[in-house]
Amino acid sequence: MDAALVTAVGVIVSAAVAGVAAEYGSKVAGRAQREGNAATGFNSLAQYLVRERDKAELDEKTAEARAIAAEAKVMVLELRGAP
C-alpha cells in the first residue's frame, strides 16, 4: 500500500466515524432537550398545585371563621331571648 491509499482509507474511516459521532450527539442533544422540557413542565405543574393547595387552605379557614361567627350570632340571639 502506498501512502496515498492509506491516507484515503484513513479519511474515509474518519468521515464515517465523524458521521456516527454527529448522529449520536444529535440524539443525545434531542433527549436532553426533551428531558429539560419535561422537568420544566413538572416544575410549573408543581408550582400550580402548590398555589391551588394554598388557596384551598385559605378558603377552608375562611369558611371555618364564617361558621364560628354564625355560631356566635346564634348564641347571642339565644342569650338575648333568655330571661
N, C-alpha and C. Protein backbone atom coordinates (compact mmCIF):
# COMPACT_ATOMS: atom_id res chain seq x y z
N MET A 1 0.84 -1.17 0.00
CA MET A 1 0.00 0.00 0.00
C MET A 1 0.88 1.24 0.00
N ASP A 2 0.51 2.12 -0.84
CA ASP A 2 1.29 3.36 -0.83
C ASP A 2 0.63 4.36 0.12
N ALA A 3 1.30 5.44 0.39
CA ALA A 3 0.87 6.43 1.37
C ALA A 3 -0.44 7.09 0.97
N ALA A 4 -0.67 7.31 -0.31
CA ALA A 4 -1.88 7.96 -0.77
C ALA A 4 -3.10 7.09 -0.48
N LEU A 5 -2.99 5.78 -0.68
CA LEU A 5 -4.09 4.87 -0.42
C LEU A 5 -4.39 4.79 1.07
N VAL A 6 -3.37 4.73 1.89
CA VAL A 6 -3.55 4.69 3.34
C VAL A 6 -4.23 5.98 3.81
N THR A 7 -3.81 7.11 3.26
CA THR A 7 -4.41 8.40 3.62
C THR A 7 -5.87 8.44 3.20
N ALA A 8 -6.19 7.96 2.00
CA ALA A 8 -7.56 7.96 1.51
C ALA A 8 -8.44 7.07 2.38
N VAL A 9 -7.97 5.88 2.73
CA VAL A 9 -8.73 4.98 3.60
C VAL A 9 -8.92 5.63 4.97
N GLY A 10 -7.89 6.27 5.48
CA GLY A 10 -7.98 6.96 6.77
C GLY A 10 -9.02 8.07 6.75
N VAL A 11 -9.06 8.83 5.66
CA VAL A 11 -10.03 9.92 5.54
C VAL A 11 -11.44 9.35 5.49
N ILE A 12 -11.64 8.27 4.74
CA ILE A 12 -12.97 7.66 4.63
C ILE A 12 -13.43 7.12 5.99
N VAL A 13 -12.54 6.45 6.68
CA VAL A 13 -12.88 5.91 8.01
C VAL A 13 -13.16 7.05 8.98
N SER A 14 -12.34 8.08 8.93
CA SER A 14 -12.54 9.23 9.82
C SER A 14 -13.88 9.91 9.54
N ALA A 15 -14.25 10.04 8.28
CA ALA A 15 -15.52 10.65 7.92
C ALA A 15 -16.68 9.82 8.44
N ALA A 16 -16.58 8.51 8.33
CA ALA A 16 -17.64 7.63 8.82
C ALA A 16 -17.77 7.74 10.34
N VAL A 17 -16.64 7.74 11.02
CA VAL A 17 -16.67 7.86 12.49
C VAL A 17 -17.25 9.22 12.89
N ALA A 18 -16.87 10.27 12.19
CA ALA A 18 -17.40 11.60 12.49
C ALA A 18 -18.90 11.65 12.26
N GLY A 19 -19.39 11.02 11.20
CA GLY A 19 -20.83 10.97 10.93
C GLY A 19 -21.58 10.25 12.02
N VAL A 20 -21.05 9.11 12.45
CA VAL A 20 -21.69 8.34 13.53
C VAL A 20 -21.69 9.16 14.82
N ALA A 21 -20.58 9.82 15.11
CA ALA A 21 -20.49 10.64 16.32
C ALA A 21 -21.47 11.80 16.26
N ALA A 22 -21.61 12.41 15.11
CA ALA A 22 -22.55 13.53 14.97
C ALA A 22 -23.99 13.06 15.16
N GLU A 23 -24.32 11.91 14.60
CA GLU A 23 -25.67 11.37 14.75
C GLU A 23 -25.96 11.04 16.22
N TYR A 24 -25.01 10.41 16.88
CA TYR A 24 -25.18 10.07 18.30
C TYR A 24 -25.31 11.35 19.13
N GLY A 25 -24.49 12.35 18.84
CA GLY A 25 -24.55 13.62 19.56
C GLY A 25 -25.89 14.30 19.36
N SER A 26 -26.43 14.20 18.17
CA SER A 26 -27.74 14.79 17.88
C SER A 26 -28.83 14.09 18.69
N LYS A 27 -28.76 12.78 18.77
CA LYS A 27 -29.76 12.04 19.55
C LYS A 27 -29.65 12.37 21.03
N VAL A 28 -28.43 12.48 21.53
CA VAL A 28 -28.24 12.81 22.95
C VAL A 28 -28.75 14.22 23.22
N ALA A 29 -28.48 15.16 22.32
CA ALA A 29 -28.95 16.53 22.50
C ALA A 29 -30.48 16.58 22.46
N GLY A 30 -31.09 15.82 21.57
CA GLY A 30 -32.56 15.78 21.50
C GLY A 30 -33.16 15.21 22.76
N ARG A 31 -32.55 14.16 23.28
CA ARG A 31 -33.03 13.55 24.52
C ARG A 31 -32.90 14.55 25.68
N ALA A 32 -31.78 15.24 25.74
CA ALA A 32 -31.58 16.22 26.80
C ALA A 32 -32.62 17.34 26.71
N GLN A 33 -32.93 17.74 25.49
CA GLN A 33 -33.95 18.79 25.30
C GLN A 33 -35.31 18.31 25.78
N ARG A 34 -35.67 17.08 25.43
CA ARG A 34 -36.96 16.54 25.86
C ARG A 34 -37.02 16.42 27.38
N GLU A 35 -35.93 15.95 27.99
CA GLU A 35 -35.91 15.82 29.44
C GLU A 35 -35.98 17.18 30.11
N GLY A 36 -35.32 18.17 29.51
CA GLY A 36 -35.39 19.53 30.05
C GLY A 36 -36.81 20.07 29.98
N ASN A 37 -37.49 19.82 28.86
CA ASN A 37 -38.88 20.26 28.72
C ASN A 37 -39.78 19.56 29.74
N ALA A 38 -39.53 18.29 29.96
CA ALA A 38 -40.33 17.54 30.94
C ALA A 38 -40.11 18.09 32.34
N ALA A 39 -38.85 18.40 32.67
CA ALA A 39 -38.57 18.95 34.00
C ALA A 39 -39.22 20.31 34.18
N THR A 40 -39.16 21.14 33.15
CA THR A 40 -39.79 22.46 33.23
C THR A 40 -41.30 22.32 33.39
N GLY A 41 -41.89 21.42 32.63
CA GLY A 41 -43.33 21.19 32.74
C GLY A 41 -43.71 20.68 34.12
N PHE A 42 -42.89 19.79 34.67
CA PHE A 42 -43.16 19.26 36.00
C PHE A 42 -43.07 20.36 37.05
N ASN A 43 -42.05 21.21 36.93
CA ASN A 43 -41.89 22.30 37.91
C ASN A 43 -43.07 23.26 37.87
N SER A 44 -43.52 23.61 36.66
CA SER A 44 -44.64 24.55 36.58
C SER A 44 -45.92 23.89 37.10
N LEU A 45 -46.09 22.61 36.86
CA LEU A 45 -47.26 21.90 37.40
C LEU A 45 -47.19 21.86 38.92
N ALA A 46 -46.03 21.59 39.46
CA ALA A 46 -45.87 21.54 40.92
C ALA A 46 -46.17 22.91 41.53
N GLN A 47 -45.69 23.96 40.90
CA GLN A 47 -45.96 25.31 41.41
C GLN A 47 -47.45 25.63 41.36
N TYR A 48 -48.10 25.22 40.29
CA TYR A 48 -49.55 25.44 40.15
C TYR A 48 -50.30 24.70 41.26
N LEU A 49 -49.91 23.46 41.52
CA LEU A 49 -50.58 22.68 42.54
C LEU A 49 -50.37 23.27 43.93
N VAL A 50 -49.18 23.80 44.19
CA VAL A 50 -48.91 24.43 45.48
C VAL A 50 -49.81 25.67 45.65
N ARG A 51 -49.93 26.47 44.59
CA ARG A 51 -50.81 27.64 44.67
C ARG A 51 -52.26 27.23 44.91
N GLU A 52 -52.71 26.18 44.24
CA GLU A 52 -54.08 25.71 44.43
C GLU A 52 -54.30 25.19 45.85
N ARG A 53 -53.29 24.49 46.40
CA ARG A 53 -53.40 23.99 47.76
C ARG A 53 -53.49 25.15 48.75
N ASP A 54 -52.64 26.16 48.55
CA ASP A 54 -52.66 27.32 49.43
C ASP A 54 -54.01 28.04 49.37
N LYS A 55 -54.55 28.15 48.17
CA LYS A 55 -55.86 28.79 48.00
C LYS A 55 -56.95 27.98 48.70
N ALA A 56 -56.89 26.66 48.56
CA ALA A 56 -57.89 25.80 49.20
C ALA A 56 -57.79 25.90 50.73
N GLU A 57 -56.57 25.97 51.24
CA GLU A 57 -56.41 26.11 52.69
C GLU A 57 -56.98 27.44 53.18
N LEU A 58 -56.75 28.51 52.42
CA LEU A 58 -57.30 29.81 52.79
C LEU A 58 -58.82 29.79 52.74
N ASP A 59 -59.38 29.16 51.70
CA ASP A 59 -60.84 29.05 51.60
C ASP A 59 -61.41 28.27 52.78
N GLU A 60 -60.71 27.21 53.18
CA GLU A 60 -61.16 26.41 54.31
C GLU A 60 -61.15 27.23 55.60
N LYS A 61 -60.09 28.00 55.82
CA LYS A 61 -60.01 28.82 57.03
C LYS A 61 -61.08 29.91 57.03
N THR A 62 -61.36 30.46 55.86
CA THR A 62 -62.41 31.48 55.74
C THR A 62 -63.77 30.86 56.09
N ALA A 63 -64.03 29.68 55.57
CA ALA A 63 -65.30 29.01 55.85
C ALA A 63 -65.43 28.68 57.33
N GLU A 64 -64.34 28.24 57.95
CA GLU A 64 -64.37 27.95 59.39
C GLU A 64 -64.66 29.22 60.19
N ALA A 65 -64.03 30.32 59.81
CA ALA A 65 -64.26 31.58 60.52
C ALA A 65 -65.71 32.03 60.37
N ARG A 66 -66.28 31.86 59.20
CA ARG A 66 -67.69 32.23 58.99
C ARG A 66 -68.62 31.35 59.83
N ALA A 67 -68.28 30.06 59.92
CA ALA A 67 -69.11 29.15 60.71
C ALA A 67 -69.04 29.53 62.19
N ILE A 68 -67.87 29.88 62.68
CA ILE A 68 -67.73 30.29 64.08
C ILE A 68 -68.51 31.58 64.33
N ALA A 69 -68.43 32.52 63.37
CA ALA A 69 -69.18 33.77 63.51
C ALA A 69 -70.69 33.51 63.53
N ALA A 70 -71.14 32.58 62.69
CA ALA A 70 -72.57 32.26 62.66
C ALA A 70 -73.00 31.61 63.97
N GLU A 71 -72.18 30.74 64.52
CA GLU A 71 -72.50 30.12 65.80
C GLU A 71 -72.55 31.16 66.91
N ALA A 72 -71.64 32.12 66.86
CA ALA A 72 -71.63 33.19 67.86
C ALA A 72 -72.89 34.02 67.77
N LYS A 73 -73.34 34.31 66.56
CA LYS A 73 -74.57 35.09 66.39
C LYS A 73 -75.77 34.34 66.96
N VAL A 74 -75.82 33.05 66.72
CA VAL A 74 -76.92 32.23 67.24
C VAL A 74 -76.89 32.24 68.76
N MET A 75 -75.70 32.12 69.33
CA MET A 75 -75.59 32.13 70.79
C MET A 75 -76.04 33.47 71.37
N VAL A 76 -75.66 34.56 70.72
CA VAL A 76 -76.05 35.88 71.19
C VAL A 76 -77.56 36.03 71.11
N LEU A 77 -78.15 35.60 70.00
CA LEU A 77 -79.60 35.70 69.86
C LEU A 77 -80.33 34.85 70.90
N GLU A 78 -79.80 33.68 71.18
CA GLU A 78 -80.40 32.81 72.18
C GLU A 78 -80.30 33.43 73.57
N LEU A 79 -79.18 34.06 73.87
CA LEU A 79 -78.99 34.67 75.19
C LEU A 79 -79.89 35.90 75.38
N ARG A 80 -80.10 36.62 74.32
CA ARG A 80 -80.98 37.80 74.41
C ARG A 80 -82.41 37.39 74.71
N GLY A 81 -82.81 36.26 74.20
CA GLY A 81 -84.20 35.81 74.40
C GLY A 81 -84.41 35.18 75.76
N ALA A 82 -83.33 34.84 76.45
CA ALA A 82 -83.48 34.19 77.76
C ALA A 82 -83.82 35.21 78.83
N PRO A 83 -84.60 34.78 79.83
CA PRO A 83 -84.96 35.72 80.91
C PRO A 83 -83.81 36.02 81.84
